[in-house]
């Protein structure tokens, strides 16, 4: 176990048959609500990313919540089903985006375009032509090199001759410093759902020779 707090990028929300919900953090005070011993009676369980404003509010309470553009994880339930949730620490490595404007680091799982946008300050990268300046609607052209590798070029739609564009580096992909992130394991009848910052996996006991261990 490392000596640093584990950052959270999602929080759970219990959904009940009467339409009410129980969030892990109260919206008005950011106070954390214990999971408790009530593991059934729900119609759904959601794990949603923090918005920048809500994450900042929760950090003031001493919980390391960070905003992200990660997708929500929605698990529909029958009120008769019992659900069990485990929160584990997992070592996360790989790459992420660094915003050179506000110095924050963030994940972006959505396809591009839409282009990545810093969840803290809204910074995005832009394409520039040395003749016409910023270009908001570049033309993308796939070119095959001699070694067989395909390279995608961005070209100016205004220039009469093919003219390449230069992209700003306000957002840059960098190696993520090794750190511990939260990994969730959700058990429902007939299946387990595991997810972290990069993967969502569904394990179904009916499709395996042995029942996944808890």
Protein backbone atom coordinates (compact mmCIF):
# COMPACT_ATOMS: atom_id res chain seq x y z
CA UNK A 1 0.00 0.00 0.00
CA UNK A 2 1.42 3.41 -0.89
CA UNK A 3 1.38 6.38 1.44
CA UNK A 4 -0.69 8.63 -0.82
CA UNK A 5 -4.49 8.92 -1.07
CA UNK A 6 -6.07 7.02 -3.96
CA UNK A 7 -7.82 9.39 -6.40
CA UNK A 8 -11.47 8.77 -7.24
CA UNK A 9 -12.81 9.50 -10.71
CA UNK A 10 -16.33 8.05 -10.27
CA UNK A 11 -18.86 7.83 -7.45
CA UNK A 12 -21.82 5.51 -7.01
CA UNK A 13 -25.53 6.41 -7.02
CA UNK A 14 -28.16 3.96 -5.76
CA UNK A 15 -31.52 4.12 -7.53
CA UNK A 16 -34.73 3.10 -5.76
CA UNK A 17 -38.20 2.04 -7.00
CA UNK A 18 -39.81 5.26 -5.69
CA UNK A 19 -37.58 7.34 -7.98
CA UNK A 20 -35.29 8.53 -5.21
CA UNK A 21 -31.53 8.13 -5.32
CA UNK A 22 -28.75 7.81 -2.75
CA UNK A 23 -25.43 9.26 -3.97
CA UNK A 24 -22.06 8.42 -2.45
CA UNK A 25 -21.50 12.14 -1.88
CA UNK A 26 -24.28 14.56 -0.90
CA UNK A 27 -24.72 17.18 -3.66
CA UNK A 28 -25.10 20.09 -1.25
CA UNK A 29 -22.40 19.34 1.35
CA UNK A 30 -20.10 16.87 -0.49
CA UNK A 31 -20.26 14.71 2.64
CA UNK A 32 -19.54 11.04 1.91
CA UNK A 33 -22.39 8.60 2.58
CA UNK A 34 -21.39 5.11 3.78
CA UNK A 35 -22.52 2.24 1.58
CA UNK A 36 -24.32 0.63 4.51
CA UNK A 37 -25.75 -2.88 4.70
CA UNK A 38 -28.68 -2.44 2.30
CA UNK A 39 -27.59 -4.43 -0.77
CA UNK A 40 -30.97 -5.13 -2.36
CA UNK A 41 -34.19 -3.28 -3.21
CA UNK A 42 -32.53 -1.11 -5.88
CA UNK A 43 -33.65 -0.65 -9.47
CA UNK A 44 -30.21 0.43 -10.61
CA UNK A 45 -26.68 1.32 -9.62
CA UNK A 46 -24.69 4.01 -11.41
CA UNK A 47 -21.04 5.01 -11.27
CA UNK A 48 -20.65 8.51 -12.69
CA UNK A 49 -17.59 10.76 -13.25
CA UNK A 50 -17.01 13.87 -11.19
CA UNK A 51 -17.56 17.28 -12.72
CA UNK A 52 -14.75 19.79 -12.10
CA UNK A 53 -16.90 21.83 -9.69
CA UNK A 54 -18.13 18.82 -7.70
CA UNK A 55 -14.63 17.30 -7.55
CA UNK A 56 -13.25 20.53 -6.11
CA UNK A 57 -16.00 20.60 -3.50
CA UNK A 58 -15.24 17.02 -2.44
CA UNK A 59 -11.49 17.64 -2.30
CA UNK A 60 -12.18 20.34 0.29
CA UNK A 61 -13.52 17.50 2.46
CA UNK A 62 -10.23 15.61 2.19
CA UNK A 63 -11.21 13.10 -0.51
CA UNK A 64 -8.99 13.13 -3.63
CA UNK A 65 -11.71 13.38 -6.30
CA UNK A 66 -10.57 14.29 -9.81
CA UNK A 67 -12.76 15.24 -12.79
CA UNK A 68 -12.69 13.20 -15.98
CA UNK A 69 -14.60 12.50 -19.20
CA UNK A 70 -14.89 8.81 -18.38
CA UNK A 71 -18.21 7.18 -19.33
CA UNK A 72 -20.80 6.41 -16.69
CA UNK A 73 -21.35 2.78 -15.77
CA UNK A 74 -25.07 1.96 -15.50
CA UNK A 75 -26.13 -1.35 -13.97
CA UNK A 76 -29.91 -2.07 -14.08
CA UNK A 77 -31.17 -4.16 -11.18
CA UNK A 78 -34.29 -5.96 -10.10
CA UNK A 79 -35.27 -4.97 -6.54
CA UNK A 80 -35.15 -8.66 -5.57
CA UNK A 81 -31.48 -8.93 -6.58
CA UNK A 82 -28.63 -8.57 -4.15
CA UNK A 83 -25.64 -6.55 -5.33
CA UNK A 84 -22.20 -6.54 -3.76
CA UNK A 85 -19.59 -3.88 -4.46
CA UNK A 86 -15.88 -4.00 -3.71
CA UNK A 87 -13.55 -1.05 -4.18
CA UNK A 88 -9.94 -2.06 -4.78
CA UNK A 89 -6.69 -0.28 -5.45
CA UNK A 90 -5.06 -1.00 -8.80
CA UNK A 91 -1.75 0.26 -10.15
CA UNK A 92 -2.43 2.41 -13.22
CA UNK A 93 0.17 3.13 -15.89
CA UNK A 94 0.02 4.21 -19.51
CA UNK A 95 -0.69 7.61 -21.01
CA UNK A 96 -2.99 10.55 -20.39
CA UNK A 97 -3.41 14.16 -21.52
CA UNK A 98 -1.45 17.04 -19.98
CA UNK A 99 -2.97 20.51 -20.28
CA UNK A 100 -0.15 23.04 -20.60
CA UNK A 101 -2.57 25.85 -19.80
CA UNK A 102 -3.59 24.79 -16.28
CA UNK A 103 -1.07 21.93 -15.79
CA UNK A 104 -3.80 19.37 -15.02
CA UNK A 105 -3.66 15.77 -16.23
CA UNK A 106 -6.80 13.97 -17.37
CA UNK A 107 -8.18 10.93 -19.17
CA UNK A 108 -10.18 11.16 -22.39
CA UNK A 109 -11.88 7.96 -23.56
CA UNK A 110 -14.17 9.49 -26.19
CA UNK A 111 -13.28 9.16 -29.88
CA UNK A 112 -11.84 12.21 -31.60
CA UNK A 113 -13.37 14.24 -33.04
CA UNK A 114 -14.81 15.54 -30.81
CA UNK A 115 -11.35 16.60 -29.81
CA UNK A 116 -10.12 16.24 -26.25
CA UNK A 117 -10.96 19.17 -24.00
CA UNK A 118 -9.45 19.85 -20.60
CA UNK A 119 -12.25 19.25 -18.03
CA UNK A 120 -10.76 21.92 -15.76
CA UNK A 121 -10.19 24.92 -18.04
CA UNK A 122 -11.73 23.86 -21.37
CA UNK A 123 -8.51 24.12 -23.39
CA UNK A 124 -8.46 22.29 -26.74
CA UNK A 125 -5.88 21.91 -29.49
CA UNK A 126 -6.29 23.86 -32.75
CA UNK A 127 -5.01 23.46 -36.30
CA UNK A 128 -3.08 26.34 -37.88
CA UNK A 129 -2.21 27.22 -41.48
CA UNK A 130 0.83 29.49 -41.95
CA UNK A 131 -1.21 31.43 -44.53
CA UNK A 132 -4.77 31.52 -43.16
CA UNK A 133 -4.20 31.14 -39.43
CA UNK A 134 -6.47 28.97 -37.26
CA UNK A 135 -8.48 26.39 -39.23
CA UNK A 136 -11.57 24.96 -37.55
CA UNK A 137 -12.53 22.49 -40.30
CA UNK A 138 -9.35 20.85 -41.64
CA UNK A 139 -9.37 18.18 -44.34
CA UNK A 140 -7.89 14.87 -43.21
CA UNK A 141 -5.97 12.91 -45.83
CA UNK A 142 -4.48 9.42 -45.44
CA UNK A 143 -1.08 9.04 -47.09
CA UNK A 144 0.85 5.78 -47.39
CA UNK A 145 4.61 6.01 -46.85
CA UNK A 146 7.28 3.89 -48.54
CA UNK A 147 7.46 1.51 -45.57
CA UNK A 148 3.73 0.82 -45.92
CA UNK A 149 2.74 2.85 -42.85
CA UNK A 150 -0.35 5.03 -43.27
CA UNK A 151 -0.04 8.61 -42.03
CA UNK A 152 -3.01 10.95 -41.59
CA UNK A 153 -2.32 14.54 -42.62
CA UNK A 154 -4.41 17.61 -41.85
CA UNK A 155 -4.66 20.00 -44.77
CA UNK A 156 -6.00 23.51 -45.20
CA UNK A 157 -9.40 23.60 -46.97
CA UNK A 158 -8.75 27.16 -48.20
CA UNK A 159 -5.33 26.82 -49.87
CA UNK A 160 -5.54 25.87 -53.56
CA UNK A 161 -2.44 23.66 -53.35
CA UNK A 162 -2.18 20.86 -50.77
CA UNK A 163 -0.99 22.61 -47.65
CA UNK A 164 -0.30 20.86 -44.37
CA UNK A 165 -1.43 22.23 -41.02
CA UNK A 166 0.33 22.42 -37.69
CA UNK A 167 -1.55 21.45 -34.54
CA UNK A 168 -1.03 23.32 -31.29
CA UNK A 169 0.30 21.40 -28.31
CA UNK A 170 -1.84 22.95 -25.57
CA UNK A 171 -2.96 19.37 -24.84
CA UNK A 172 -0.26 16.74 -25.08
CA UNK A 173 -0.26 12.97 -24.59
CA UNK A 174 2.31 12.10 -21.93
CA UNK A 175 3.30 9.03 -19.95
CA UNK A 176 1.23 8.79 -16.80
CA UNK A 177 3.25 8.60 -13.59
CA UNK A 178 2.60 5.20 -11.97
CA UNK A 179 -0.12 5.64 -9.41
CA UNK A 180 -2.85 3.75 -7.60
CA UNK A 181 -6.37 4.13 -8.95
CA UNK A 182 -9.66 2.68 -7.83
CA UNK A 183 -10.92 -0.52 -9.41
CA UNK A 184 -14.52 -1.59 -8.78
CA UNK A 185 -15.90 -5.12 -8.68
CA UNK A 186 -19.70 -5.32 -8.76
CA UNK A 187 -21.36 -8.71 -8.25
CA UNK A 188 -24.95 -9.32 -9.34
CA UNK A 189 -26.73 -12.65 -9.90
CA UNK A 190 -25.10 -14.38 -12.87
CA UNK A 191 -22.42 -11.79 -13.56
CA UNK A 192 -19.57 -9.67 -12.27
CA UNK A 193 -18.71 -6.22 -13.61
CA UNK A 194 -15.16 -4.96 -13.21
CA UNK A 195 -14.05 -1.51 -14.27
CA UNK A 196 -11.35 1.05 -13.66
CA UNK A 197 -10.12 4.13 -15.52
CA UNK A 198 -9.42 2.32 -18.80
CA UNK A 199 -11.48 -0.88 -18.99
CA UNK A 200 -14.98 -2.19 -18.35
CA UNK A 201 -15.28 -5.98 -18.24
CA UNK A 202 -18.34 -8.16 -17.71
CA UNK A 203 -17.73 -11.69 -16.37
CA UNK A 204 -20.67 -14.09 -16.77
CA UNK A 205 -20.52 -17.35 -14.84
CA UNK A 206 -22.77 -19.09 -17.39
CA UNK A 207 -20.07 -18.59 -20.05
CA UNK A 208 -17.14 -19.88 -18.00
CA UNK A 209 -16.18 -23.29 -16.69
CA UNK A 210 -15.83 -22.01 -13.16
CA UNK A 211 -17.60 -19.30 -11.26
CA UNK A 212 -15.43 -16.17 -10.94
CA UNK A 213 -14.04 -15.81 -7.44
CA UNK A 214 -15.26 -13.01 -5.29
